[in-house]
Protein backbone atom coordinates (compact mmCIF):
# COMPACT_ATOMS: atom_id res chain seq x y z
CA MET A 1 107.98 105.46 118.84
CA SER A 2 105.42 102.97 119.37
CA TYR A 3 104.45 100.45 116.63
CA ILE A 4 101.12 98.52 116.11
CA THR A 5 101.72 94.95 118.28
CA ALA A 6 99.84 91.87 118.27
CA LEU A 7 99.61 88.45 120.13
CA THR A 8 100.44 84.98 118.15
CA LYS A 9 98.63 82.02 119.70
CA ASN A 10 101.08 81.47 122.28
CA LYS A 11 100.46 84.75 123.27
CA GLN A 12 103.96 86.50 122.22
CA GLU A 13 103.80 89.84 120.97
CA TRP A 14 104.26 89.67 117.72
CA THR A 15 104.43 93.54 115.54
CA PRO A 16 103.47 93.32 111.67
CA GLN A 17 105.22 94.57 109.23
CA PHE A 18 103.78 95.51 106.07
CA ILE A 19 105.12 95.92 102.81
CA LYS A 20 106.67 99.24 101.79
CA SER A 21 108.68 98.84 98.58
CA ILE A 22 109.35 96.64 96.23
CA ASP A 23 112.58 97.07 94.08
CA GLU A 24 112.44 96.79 90.58
CA GLU A 25 116.02 96.15 89.72
CA LEU A 26 116.11 93.33 91.31
CA CYS A 27 112.99 91.70 91.29
CA ILE A 28 112.61 89.06 88.05
CA GLY A 29 108.94 88.38 88.36
CA CYS A 30 108.47 84.99 88.68
CA GLY A 31 105.55 85.58 90.64
CA ARG A 32 105.86 83.46 93.86
CA CYS A 33 104.97 86.78 96.02
CA PHE A 34 101.95 87.01 93.81
CA LYS A 35 101.11 83.32 94.60
CA VAL A 36 101.48 83.35 98.08
CA CYS A 37 99.78 86.54 98.93
CA ALA A 38 95.97 85.64 99.63
CA HIS A 39 95.22 89.30 99.94
CA ASP A 40 94.95 90.82 96.25
CA VAL A 41 98.46 93.22 97.37
CA LEU A 42 100.36 92.72 94.33
CA ALA A 43 100.24 92.83 90.59
CA PHE A 44 102.04 91.87 87.57
CA GLU A 45 103.72 95.39 85.57
CA GLU A 46 105.40 95.05 82.08
CA LEU A 47 108.14 97.32 81.28
CA ASP A 48 109.33 97.70 77.58
CA GLU A 49 112.37 99.07 77.31
CA ASP A 50 114.19 98.59 74.35
CA ASP A 51 112.38 96.07 72.23
CA SER A 52 112.44 93.98 75.33
CA ALA A 53 110.10 93.52 77.75
CA LYS A 54 110.29 92.80 81.51
CA MET A 55 108.00 91.64 84.04
CA PHE A 56 107.85 92.29 87.99
CA MET A 57 105.55 92.45 90.25
CA LYS A 58 104.29 95.60 92.24
CA ILE A 59 102.38 96.94 94.92
CA GLU A 60 98.52 97.20 93.38
CA ASN A 61 96.31 97.05 97.07
CA ASP A 62 99.18 98.15 99.78
CA GLY A 63 96.27 98.48 102.27
CA ASN A 64 95.09 95.03 102.33
CA CYS A 65 98.78 93.70 103.73
CA ILE A 66 98.17 92.44 106.77
CA GLY A 67 102.02 92.27 107.37
CA CYS A 68 102.34 88.91 107.53
CA GLN A 69 105.97 89.10 104.84
CA ALA A 70 105.24 86.33 103.18
CA CYS A 71 105.56 87.62 99.65
CA GLY A 72 109.53 88.59 101.21
CA ARG A 73 110.09 85.13 102.70
CA THR A 74 109.12 83.27 98.87
CA CYS A 75 111.61 85.94 97.10
CA SER A 76 114.88 84.48 96.44
CA LYS A 77 116.23 87.91 94.85
CA LYS A 78 114.95 89.57 98.17
CA CYS A 79 113.82 92.94 97.19
CA PHE A 80 110.86 93.67 99.34
CA THR A 81 111.46 96.51 101.91
CA PHE A 82 108.61 96.48 105.12
CA GLU A 83 108.34 97.95 107.79
CA PRO A 84 105.74 98.37 110.29
CA VAL A 85 103.28 100.77 110.91
CA SER A 86 103.85 103.55 114.20
CA LEU A 87 101.09 105.06 116.51
């Protein structure tokens, strides 16, 4: 299986890793990932459970993802999963 690859500025091969999922159990809804994403991929979602609300992130526009993984690098809970796109 081959994947989409690109070149860095110094001509090294790079395989973008695109957002696949966010683990709702791990996500604390801090919003760091939302703030760092410049491509409108993520959105907040509120989950009402037994008279208490929990905020977490969801993937809103996965087609906007450029594969930079900035969201995952800022996540202290490591709740993001990424994968390359195959050709």
